[in-house]
Amino acid sequence: MGSLSSSMYTAVSALRSQSSAVSTISNNLANSETVGFKTTDANFKTLVTGTSSQLNFTGAGVIANPSQNISQQGVLVGTENETDLAIDGSGFFIVARDSGSSDFAYTRVGNFSTDANGFLVNDNGFYLQGYPTNRDGKVTIPKTKYNLEAVNINSSNLAPVPTSKVTVEANLPSDAIDGASVQSNVEIFDSQGNAHTMLFTYTKSTSADNTWNVVATLADEGNPAAQPGTITDATWQVTFDGDGYLTSVTKNGTTIDSTSPTGTSTNSLDPIGITWNNGTTASSITYVTGEIGSANILSQYASTDGSADISIDKITQDGVKPGAFYSASVSETGLVYVNYDNGVSKPIYQIMLATFTNPDGLEAASGNVYTPTTLSGAETLNTPGSAATGSLSSGALESSNTDTATEFSKLITSQQAYSAATQILEAAQDMFQDLIQAKK
């Protein structure tokens, strides 16, 4: 009768285990459209009583053990939101329930958007964490998890930056006659972001071969009524060799040439000074002429079209006019940029990804987040795309890794096993009834 009783307990364990399996299947199917969801499988383990499974086998049934598929990649789906993020490869976003909390969790849910205070928060209410960066996108603090902070996209306007350097990459025509002049215009900005035009005039020397006199003026300087300011230290003399390479630059009696000490730059010459009439801070601007012995900025060759005019390749300056916040974006390596309507993009945060030795050993929590366990190991923080860590895709989300066809197949199998267990219970009950009737 002990064996008959054990068969009933075994059948009950089968019902219990298959119920657990159906529960995991149900949860997987319920989350088939949940962003970043990872499925769980029910694996079964046999139970045996007795000292010998060969001589005295008594089955004790089965138990269902959950097995998480956290490391299984979901399909990346494009969206129209630039702050939607998906991880292509291994790793987890580091998040916290509150903006000032250091109680971190880990997730693959990347549907981030800004809240009323500018923080990036996903739809489950978790705040994305990162390191603040300098203007060059570099993290200057130790990269420990306790230095992480909630990523905040500052939507305030961008302050203007006055011009401090001007570069005119151009060819001066060697076929120009002595005394001929050519010009180039550069837009520059004062300390309040007001735009002005600086005019560079290059006049071919009448007294020295391969030599040009350069004068910088403000465009309205010839009209005193409209003159925006007073310019000083704005004359140079540049000389080229017979092959068109820059050989010397002279300004205010100082000459930089091949005899100058090693490492001496033409940028060390006195900068242009401008005192503005609009009350803004005076400007000091370096005019970049290039390296001695090269033609990387200024050169002297014959004009290609015979016009004997200047040929400008590129004009650059480092000033910036005021800008209004336009959008935010994230690079593949996790740099968060704030973009302004003046074309300027400024890095403000570095997003880090956490990796684990055994990600399938993480503990699941509500909100589609995970916490470390002894099975998963401690987190390691990496820059996206480095050290076998996945890269980030901006404007994309990772879909659930639920395969509905697979789940329905498992559901059919579990249903059949459950039904078979109920048949065992019915058979055992009938056998008990037979035993009772025989006693009577």
Protein backbone atom coordinates (compact mmCIF):
# COMPACT_ATOMS: atom_id res chain seq x y z
CA MET A 1 0.00 0.00 0.00
CA GLY A 2 2.99 2.21 0.49
CA SER A 3 3.76 2.00 -3.21
CA LEU A 4 0.15 2.82 -4.04
CA SER A 5 0.24 5.86 -1.77
CA SER A 6 3.52 7.00 -3.23
CA SER A 7 2.03 6.83 -6.72
CA MET A 8 -0.61 9.32 -5.64
CA TYR A 9 2.00 11.66 -4.13
CA THR A 10 4.03 11.30 -7.32
CA ALA A 11 1.02 12.22 -9.43
CA VAL A 12 0.35 15.24 -7.18
CA SER A 13 3.96 16.39 -7.64
CA ALA A 14 3.46 16.07 -11.40
CA LEU A 15 0.32 18.23 -11.20
CA ARG A 16 2.17 20.78 -9.10
CA SER A 17 5.20 20.84 -11.44
CA GLN A 18 3.11 21.08 -14.61
CA SER A 19 1.12 23.89 -12.99
CA SER A 20 4.42 25.71 -12.44
CA ALA A 21 5.34 25.07 -16.07
CA VAL A 22 2.01 26.47 -17.29
CA SER A 23 2.55 29.47 -15.00
CA THR A 24 5.93 30.25 -16.61
CA ILE A 25 4.45 29.75 -20.08
CA SER A 26 1.58 32.06 -19.20
CA ASN A 27 3.98 34.71 -17.92
CA ASN A 28 6.13 34.42 -21.03
CA LEU A 29 3.13 34.84 -23.32
CA ALA A 30 1.73 37.71 -21.23
CA ASN A 31 5.03 39.56 -21.71
CA SER A 32 5.49 38.78 -25.39
CA GLU A 33 5.19 42.53 -26.14
CA THR A 34 7.07 43.77 -23.07
CA VAL A 35 10.21 45.72 -23.97
CA GLY A 36 13.38 43.94 -22.85
CA PHE A 37 11.52 40.99 -21.30
CA LYS A 38 13.44 37.73 -20.85
CA THR A 39 11.63 34.40 -20.72
CA THR A 40 11.80 31.73 -18.02
CA ASP A 41 11.63 28.00 -18.69
CA ALA A 42 10.45 25.30 -16.29
CA ASN A 43 13.01 22.51 -16.12
CA PHE A 44 12.08 19.30 -14.34
CA LYS A 45 14.10 17.33 -11.82
CA THR A 46 13.26 13.79 -10.64
CA LEU A 47 12.92 12.85 -6.98
CA VAL A 48 13.74 9.32 -5.77
CA THR A 49 13.38 7.72 -2.32
CA GLY A 50 15.09 4.54 -1.08
CA THR A 51 18.70 3.53 -0.85
CA SER A 52 18.90 1.84 -4.23
CA SER A 53 17.20 2.81 -7.42
CA GLN A 54 17.88 -0.67 -8.80
CA LEU A 55 16.80 -2.96 -5.97
CA ASN A 56 14.19 -0.89 -4.19
CA PHE A 57 12.98 1.92 -6.47
CA THR A 58 10.29 4.17 -5.09
CA GLY A 59 9.63 7.29 -7.10
CA ALA A 60 8.96 10.48 -5.17
CA GLY A 61 7.83 12.50 -8.16
CA VAL A 62 9.14 15.57 -9.90
CA ILE A 63 9.94 19.17 -9.12
CA ALA A 64 10.00 22.14 -11.50
CA ASN A 65 13.05 24.39 -11.41
CA PRO A 66 12.88 27.79 -13.15
CA SER A 67 15.61 28.56 -15.67
CA GLN A 68 15.97 32.18 -16.83
CA ASN A 69 16.93 33.09 -20.40
CA ILE A 70 18.32 36.52 -19.51
CA SER A 71 21.37 36.24 -21.75
CA GLN A 72 19.25 35.49 -24.83
CA GLN A 73 19.22 38.51 -27.19
CA GLY A 74 15.89 39.99 -28.27
CA VAL A 75 15.24 41.51 -31.68
CA LEU A 76 16.07 45.22 -32.00
CA VAL A 77 13.20 47.31 -33.35
CA GLY A 78 13.61 50.89 -34.58
CA THR A 79 11.65 53.77 -33.05
CA GLU A 80 11.38 57.52 -33.66
CA ASN A 81 12.63 58.50 -30.20
CA GLU A 82 16.38 59.18 -30.07
CA THR A 83 16.54 58.44 -26.35
CA ASP A 84 15.12 54.95 -26.85
CA LEU A 85 18.14 52.69 -26.35
CA ALA A 86 18.80 49.05 -27.13
CA ILE A 87 21.82 46.94 -26.22
CA ASP A 88 23.18 44.85 -29.08
CA GLY A 89 25.13 42.19 -27.20
CA SER A 90 25.83 41.61 -23.53
CA GLY A 91 25.31 44.09 -20.72
CA PHE A 92 22.59 45.85 -18.73
CA PHE A 93 21.59 49.45 -18.18
CA ILE A 94 22.32 50.63 -14.66
CA VAL A 95 19.20 52.18 -13.16
CA ALA A 96 17.81 53.34 -9.83
CA ARG A 97 14.27 53.79 -8.56
CA ASP A 98 14.96 57.39 -7.46
CA SER A 99 17.09 60.08 -9.10
CA GLY A 100 19.32 60.44 -6.04
CA SER A 101 19.50 56.78 -5.05
CA SER A 102 22.60 54.56 -5.10
CA ASP A 103 20.52 51.41 -4.72
CA PHE A 104 21.07 50.20 -8.27
CA ALA A 105 19.28 47.61 -10.36
CA TYR A 106 20.00 46.34 -13.85
CA THR A 107 17.72 46.14 -16.87
CA ARG A 108 17.51 45.74 -20.65
CA VAL A 109 14.48 48.06 -20.84
CA GLY A 110 15.66 51.11 -22.78
CA ASN A 111 12.49 53.12 -23.47
CA PHE A 112 13.88 56.26 -21.84
CA SER A 113 12.35 59.72 -22.00
CA THR A 114 12.83 62.91 -20.02
CA ASP A 115 10.68 63.63 -16.99
CA ALA A 116 9.62 67.07 -15.80
CA ASN A 117 13.07 67.64 -14.29
CA GLY A 118 15.05 66.53 -17.33
CA PHE A 119 16.06 63.08 -16.04
CA LEU A 120 16.06 60.09 -18.38
CA VAL A 121 13.51 57.62 -16.99
CA ASN A 122 12.18 54.43 -18.57
CA ASP A 123 8.51 53.48 -18.68
CA ASN A 124 8.89 51.42 -15.51
CA GLY A 125 10.02 54.47 -13.54
CA PHE A 126 13.74 53.67 -13.29
CA TYR A 127 16.35 56.40 -13.74
CA LEU A 128 19.26 55.78 -16.13
CA GLN A 129 22.71 56.19 -14.52
CA GLY A 130 25.95 57.52 -16.01
CA TYR A 131 29.10 59.55 -15.37
CA PRO A 132 29.20 63.29 -16.09
CA THR A 133 31.79 64.26 -18.72
CA ASN A 134 33.78 67.34 -19.62
CA ARG A 135 33.29 69.24 -22.89
CA ASP A 136 35.56 66.71 -24.65
CA GLY A 137 33.38 63.77 -23.58
CA LYS A 138 35.93 62.48 -21.06
CA VAL A 139 35.07 61.16 -17.60
CA THR A 140 37.35 62.86 -15.08
CA ILE A 141 36.21 61.05 -11.91
CA PRO A 142 36.96 57.47 -10.80
CA LYS A 143 34.72 55.01 -12.63
CA THR A 144 33.14 53.33 -9.63
CA LYS A 145 29.44 52.64 -9.34
CA TYR A 146 29.20 55.02 -6.38
CA ASN A 147 30.17 57.94 -8.65
CA LEU A 148 27.27 57.22 -11.00
CA GLU A 149 24.45 59.72 -11.09
CA ALA A 150 21.08 59.99 -12.79
CA VAL A 151 21.46 61.22 -16.37
CA ASN A 152 19.92 64.67 -16.67
CA ILE A 153 19.50 66.35 -20.05
CA ASN A 154 19.83 70.02 -19.39
CA SER A 155 17.48 71.70 -21.85
CA SER A 156 18.70 75.23 -21.10
CA ASN A 157 20.12 77.38 -23.87
CA LEU A 158 23.77 77.17 -24.88
CA ALA A 159 25.82 80.22 -23.90
CA PRO A 160 27.78 81.91 -26.71
CA VAL A 161 31.51 81.31 -27.10
CA PRO A 162 33.63 84.19 -28.44
CA THR A 163 35.93 83.48 -31.35
CA SER A 164 39.54 82.92 -30.26
CA LYS A 165 41.00 81.22 -33.35
CA VAL A 166 40.55 81.65 -37.10
CA THR A 167 41.93 79.39 -39.81
CA VAL A 168 41.76 80.13 -43.53
CA GLU A 169 42.95 77.16 -45.58
CA ALA A 170 43.69 78.68 -48.96
CA ASN A 171 46.04 78.91 -51.92
CA LEU A 172 47.45 82.32 -52.80
CA PRO A 173 47.90 82.59 -56.58
CA SER A 174 51.53 82.68 -57.64
CA ASP A 175 50.41 83.92 -61.08
CA ALA A 176 49.00 87.14 -59.56
CA ILE A 177 50.88 90.30 -60.55
CA ASP A 178 52.92 92.18 -57.96
CA GLY A 179 50.68 94.50 -55.95
CA ALA A 180 47.53 92.45 -56.65
CA SER A 181 45.18 91.78 -53.73
CA VAL A 182 42.81 88.91 -52.94
CA GLN A 183 40.38 88.58 -50.04
CA SER A 184 38.54 86.14 -47.79
CA ASN A 185 35.72 86.75 -45.29
CA VAL A 186 35.27 85.03 -41.92
CA GLU A 187 32.25 85.25 -39.63
CA ILE A 188 33.34 85.70 -36.02
CA PHE A 189 31.46 86.12 -32.71
CA ASP A 190 31.93 88.43 -29.75
CA SER A 191 31.41 87.42 -26.11
CA GLN A 192 27.64 87.94 -26.34
CA GLY A 193 27.31 85.87 -29.51
CA ASN A 194 26.88 88.81 -31.89
CA ALA A 195 28.13 87.97 -35.37
CA HIS A 196 30.69 90.14 -37.17
CA THR A 197 32.61 89.80 -40.41
CA MET A 198 36.41 89.85 -40.46
CA LEU A 199 38.02 90.56 -43.82
CA PHE A 200 41.50 89.19 -44.66
CA THR A 201 43.28 91.00 -47.50
CA TYR A 202 46.36 89.35 -49.06
CA THR A 203 48.52 91.70 -51.16
CA LYS A 204 51.40 90.36 -53.22
CA SER A 205 54.62 92.17 -52.40
CA THR A 206 56.19 94.42 -55.00
CA SER A 207 59.59 94.28 -53.34
CA ALA A 208 60.15 90.61 -52.46
CA ASP A 209 59.49 87.41 -54.34
CA ASN A 210 56.99 84.87 -53.00
CA THR A 211 55.89 87.27 -50.27
CA TRP A 212 52.42 88.45 -49.31
CA ASN A 213 51.31 91.15 -46.88
CA VAL A 214 48.21 90.16 -44.89
CA VAL A 215 45.87 92.66 -43.23
CA ALA A 216 42.79 91.80 -41.14
CA THR A 217 40.00 94.37 -40.87
CA LEU A 218 36.41 94.43 -39.75
CA ALA A 219 34.07 94.53 -42.72
CA ASP A 220 32.54 97.88 -41.81
CA GLU A 221 35.81 99.49 -40.81
CA GLY A 222 35.71 101.69 -43.88
CA ASN A 223 32.41 103.12 -42.69
CA PRO A 224 33.03 104.84 -39.31
CA ALA A 225 29.31 105.19 -38.65
CA ALA A 226 28.80 101.41 -38.83
CA GLN A 227 32.20 100.35 -37.49
CA PRO A 228 31.64 97.59 -34.90
CA GLY A 229 34.98 98.01 -33.16
CA THR A 230 38.68 98.81 -33.30
CA ILE A 231 41.15 96.16 -34.45
CA THR A 232 44.86 96.05 -33.56
CA ASP A 233 47.84 93.76 -34.26
CA ALA A 234 46.28 92.71 -37.54
CA THR A 235 49.13 92.75 -40.09
CA TRP A 236 51.46 89.90 -41.13
CA GLN A 237 53.92 89.05 -43.82
CA VAL A 238 54.02 85.48 -45.13
CA THR A 239 56.75 84.10 -47.38
CA PHE A 240 56.86 80.94 -49.49
CA ASP A 241 59.69 79.02 -51.12
CA GLY A 242 60.03 78.20 -54.81
CA ASP A 243 57.85 75.10 -54.32
CA GLY A 244 54.95 77.01 -52.75
CA TYR A 245 55.59 75.95 -49.14
CA LEU A 246 55.35 78.40 -46.24
CA THR A 247 58.84 79.41 -45.09
CA SER A 248 58.27 82.32 -42.68
CA VAL A 249 55.65 84.41 -40.93
CA THR A 250 56.48 87.88 -39.60
CA LYS A 251 54.40 90.02 -37.25
CA ASN A 252 55.31 93.01 -35.08
CA GLY A 253 59.00 92.50 -35.84
CA THR A 254 58.99 88.82 -34.84
CA THR A 255 59.70 86.18 -37.48
CA ILE A 256 58.97 82.48 -37.22
CA ASP A 257 60.94 80.41 -39.75
CA SER A 258 63.05 77.29 -40.07
CA THR A 259 65.72 78.78 -37.80
CA SER A 260 63.30 79.23 -34.91
CA PRO A 261 63.65 76.85 -31.94
CA THR A 262 62.15 73.42 -32.45
CA GLY A 263 58.46 73.37 -31.60
CA THR A 264 57.95 77.11 -32.12
CA SER A 265 54.51 77.64 -33.63
CA THR A 266 53.34 80.48 -35.83
CA ASN A 267 50.37 80.59 -33.42
CA SER A 268 52.71 82.08 -30.81
CA LEU A 269 52.72 85.41 -32.66
CA ASP A 270 50.69 88.27 -31.18
CA PRO A 271 46.94 87.63 -31.58
CA ILE A 272 44.53 90.05 -33.20
CA GLY A 273 42.96 92.44 -30.68
CA ILE A 274 39.45 93.80 -31.08
CA THR A 275 37.73 96.35 -28.86
CA TRP A 276 34.03 96.23 -29.61
CA ASN A 277 31.79 99.28 -29.65
CA ASN A 278 28.77 97.36 -28.32
CA GLY A 279 30.18 97.04 -24.82
CA THR A 280 31.06 93.33 -25.05
CA THR A 281 34.35 91.96 -23.76
CA ALA A 282 37.35 92.63 -25.99
CA SER A 283 38.40 89.76 -28.25
CA SER A 284 41.82 88.18 -28.72
CA ILE A 285 41.98 86.05 -31.86
CA THR A 286 44.82 83.87 -33.15
CA TYR A 287 45.18 83.72 -36.93
CA VAL A 288 46.45 80.26 -37.93
CA THR A 289 48.83 80.32 -40.91
CA GLY A 290 50.11 76.75 -40.71
CA GLU A 291 53.40 74.97 -40.13
CA ILE A 292 56.69 76.26 -41.47
CA GLY A 293 57.88 74.10 -44.36
CA SER A 294 54.42 72.84 -45.26
CA ALA A 295 51.39 73.83 -47.30
CA ASN A 296 48.80 72.46 -44.91
CA ILE A 297 47.05 75.82 -44.32
CA LEU A 298 48.51 78.42 -46.69
CA SER A 299 50.20 77.62 -49.98
CA GLN A 300 51.29 79.49 -53.09
CA TYR A 301 50.62 77.81 -56.41
CA ALA A 302 49.32 79.04 -59.74
CA SER A 303 45.54 79.36 -59.90
CA THR A 304 43.96 76.35 -61.61
CA ASP A 305 41.57 78.42 -63.72
CA GLY A 306 44.01 81.22 -64.60
CA SER A 307 41.97 83.79 -62.65
CA ALA A 308 44.90 84.70 -60.37
CA ASP A 309 42.42 84.70 -57.47
CA ILE A 310 42.55 83.10 -54.05
CA SER A 311 41.35 79.50 -53.82
CA ILE A 312 39.75 78.77 -50.46
CA ASP A 313 39.51 75.16 -49.27
CA LYS A 314 38.03 75.72 -45.82
CA ILE A 315 37.43 78.48 -43.29
CA THR A 316 37.00 77.62 -39.62
CA GLN A 317 36.65 79.53 -36.37
CA ASP A 318 35.90 78.34 -32.84
CA GLY A 319 33.25 80.88 -31.83
CA VAL A 320 29.64 79.87 -31.25
CA LYS A 321 26.48 81.93 -31.35
CA PRO A 322 23.80 81.33 -28.68
CA GLY A 323 21.84 78.13 -29.18
CA ALA A 324 18.48 76.81 -27.98
CA PHE A 325 18.06 73.19 -26.91
CA TYR A 326 16.94 71.09 -29.85
CA SER A 327 17.29 67.40 -28.95
CA ALA A 328 19.35 64.76 -27.18
CA SER A 329 21.11 61.79 -28.73
CA VAL A 330 23.27 58.87 -27.64
CA SER A 331 26.26 57.41 -29.49
CA GLU A 332 27.09 53.71 -29.91
CA THR A 333 29.69 54.08 -27.18
CA GLY A 334 27.21 55.58 -24.73
CA LEU A 335 28.02 59.28 -24.91
CA VAL A 336 24.93 61.40 -24.27
CA TYR A 337 24.87 64.57 -26.38
CA VAL A 338 22.75 67.67 -26.05
CA ASN A 339 22.09 69.18 -29.48
CA TYR A 340 21.35 72.85 -30.10
CA ASP A 341 19.72 74.65 -33.00
CA ASN A 342 22.98 76.39 -33.89
CA GLY A 343 24.50 73.07 -34.95
CA VAL A 344 26.52 72.53 -31.77
CA SER A 345 26.43 69.15 -29.98
CA LYS A 346 27.82 68.92 -26.46
CA PRO A 347 28.61 65.64 -24.62
CA ILE A 348 27.32 65.64 -21.05
CA TYR A 349 27.22 62.02 -19.80
CA GLN A 350 28.86 58.65 -20.38
CA ILE A 351 26.45 55.73 -20.04
CA MET A 352 28.05 52.57 -18.66
CA LEU A 353 26.82 49.01 -19.06
CA ALA A 354 27.05 46.35 -16.37
CA THR A 355 28.10 42.80 -17.23
CA PHE A 356 27.98 39.67 -15.09
CA THR A 357 29.85 36.36 -15.18
CA ASN A 358 26.52 34.51 -15.21
CA PRO A 359 23.69 36.87 -16.18
CA ASP A 360 21.16 34.01 -16.07
CA GLY A 361 21.83 33.85 -12.32
CA LEU A 362 20.41 37.32 -11.66
CA GLU A 363 17.35 37.74 -9.44
CA ALA A 364 14.30 39.13 -11.27
CA ALA A 365 12.28 41.92 -9.66
CA SER A 366 9.17 43.88 -10.59
CA GLY A 367 9.66 46.48 -13.29
CA ASN A 368 11.71 44.13 -15.48
CA VAL A 369 14.89 44.74 -13.48
CA TYR A 370 17.43 42.40 -11.95
CA THR A 371 19.64 42.35 -8.88
CA PRO A 372 22.94 40.46 -8.41
CA THR A 373 23.17 37.14 -6.59
CA THR A 374 25.99 34.78 -5.68
CA LEU A 375 25.11 32.83 -8.84
CA SER A 376 25.43 35.86 -11.12
CA GLY A 377 28.54 37.32 -9.55
CA ALA A 378 29.22 41.02 -9.00
CA GLU A 379 28.75 43.60 -11.73
CA THR A 380 31.57 44.92 -13.92
CA LEU A 381 31.13 48.38 -15.43
CA ASN A 382 32.25 48.88 -19.03
CA THR A 383 31.88 51.45 -21.77
CA PRO A 384 29.45 50.17 -24.43
CA GLY A 385 31.33 48.43 -27.22
CA SER A 386 34.39 47.63 -25.10
CA ALA A 387 35.60 44.52 -23.26
CA ALA A 388 33.08 42.18 -24.91
CA THR A 389 30.24 44.51 -23.90
CA GLY A 390 27.45 45.18 -26.38
CA SER A 391 27.09 48.47 -28.22
CA LEU A 392 24.16 50.88 -27.93
CA SER A 393 21.62 51.55 -30.65
CA SER A 394 19.88 54.91 -30.32
CA GLY A 395 16.31 55.13 -31.58
CA ALA A 396 15.75 51.40 -31.05
CA LEU A 397 14.32 49.03 -28.44
CA GLU A 398 14.98 45.39 -27.64
CA SER A 399 11.81 43.37 -27.96
CA SER A 400 10.78 40.48 -25.74
CA ASN A 401 12.62 37.22 -26.46
CA THR A 402 9.34 35.29 -26.16
CA ASP A 403 8.74 32.93 -29.09
CA THR A 404 4.98 32.41 -29.11
CA ALA A 405 5.16 29.28 -31.28
CA THR A 406 7.60 27.67 -28.86
CA GLU A 407 5.51 28.64 -25.85
CA PHE A 408 2.30 27.19 -27.33
CA SER A 409 4.15 23.97 -28.11
CA LYS A 410 5.31 23.75 -24.50
CA LEU A 411 1.77 24.54 -23.35
CA ILE A 412 0.39 21.57 -25.28
CA THR A 413 3.06 19.27 -23.80
CA SER A 414 2.37 20.49 -20.26
CA GLN A 415 -1.36 20.10 -20.74
CA GLN A 416 -0.89 16.50 -21.84
CA ALA A 417 1.39 15.73 -18.90
CA TYR A 418 -1.08 17.33 -16.49
CA SER A 419 -3.90 15.28 -17.96
CA ALA A 420 -1.82 12.09 -17.63
CA ALA A 421 -1.16 12.87 -13.94
CA THR A 422 -4.88 13.23 -13.29
CA GLN A 423 -5.40 9.81 -14.90
CA ILE A 424 -2.85 8.34 -12.45
CA LEU A 425 -4.78 9.84 -9.54
CA GLU A 426 -8.03 8.39 -10.84
CA ALA A 427 -6.40 4.97 -11.34
CA ALA A 428 -4.89 5.02 -7.84
CA GLN A 429 -8.23 5.99 -6.39
CA ASP A 430 -9.92 3.07 -8.16
CA MET A 431 -7.22 0.72 -6.85
CA PHE A 432 -7.85 1.94 -3.31
CA GLN A 433 -11.56 1.34 -3.78
CA ASP A 434 -10.83 -2.18 -5.04
CA LEU A 435 -8.63 -2.82 -2.00
CA ILE A 436 -11.37 -1.62 0.35
CA GLN A 437 -13.97 -3.77 -1.41
CA ALA A 438 -11.70 -6.83 -1.15
CA LYS A 439 -11.42 -6.34 2.62
CA LYS A 440 -15.17 -6.31 2.92
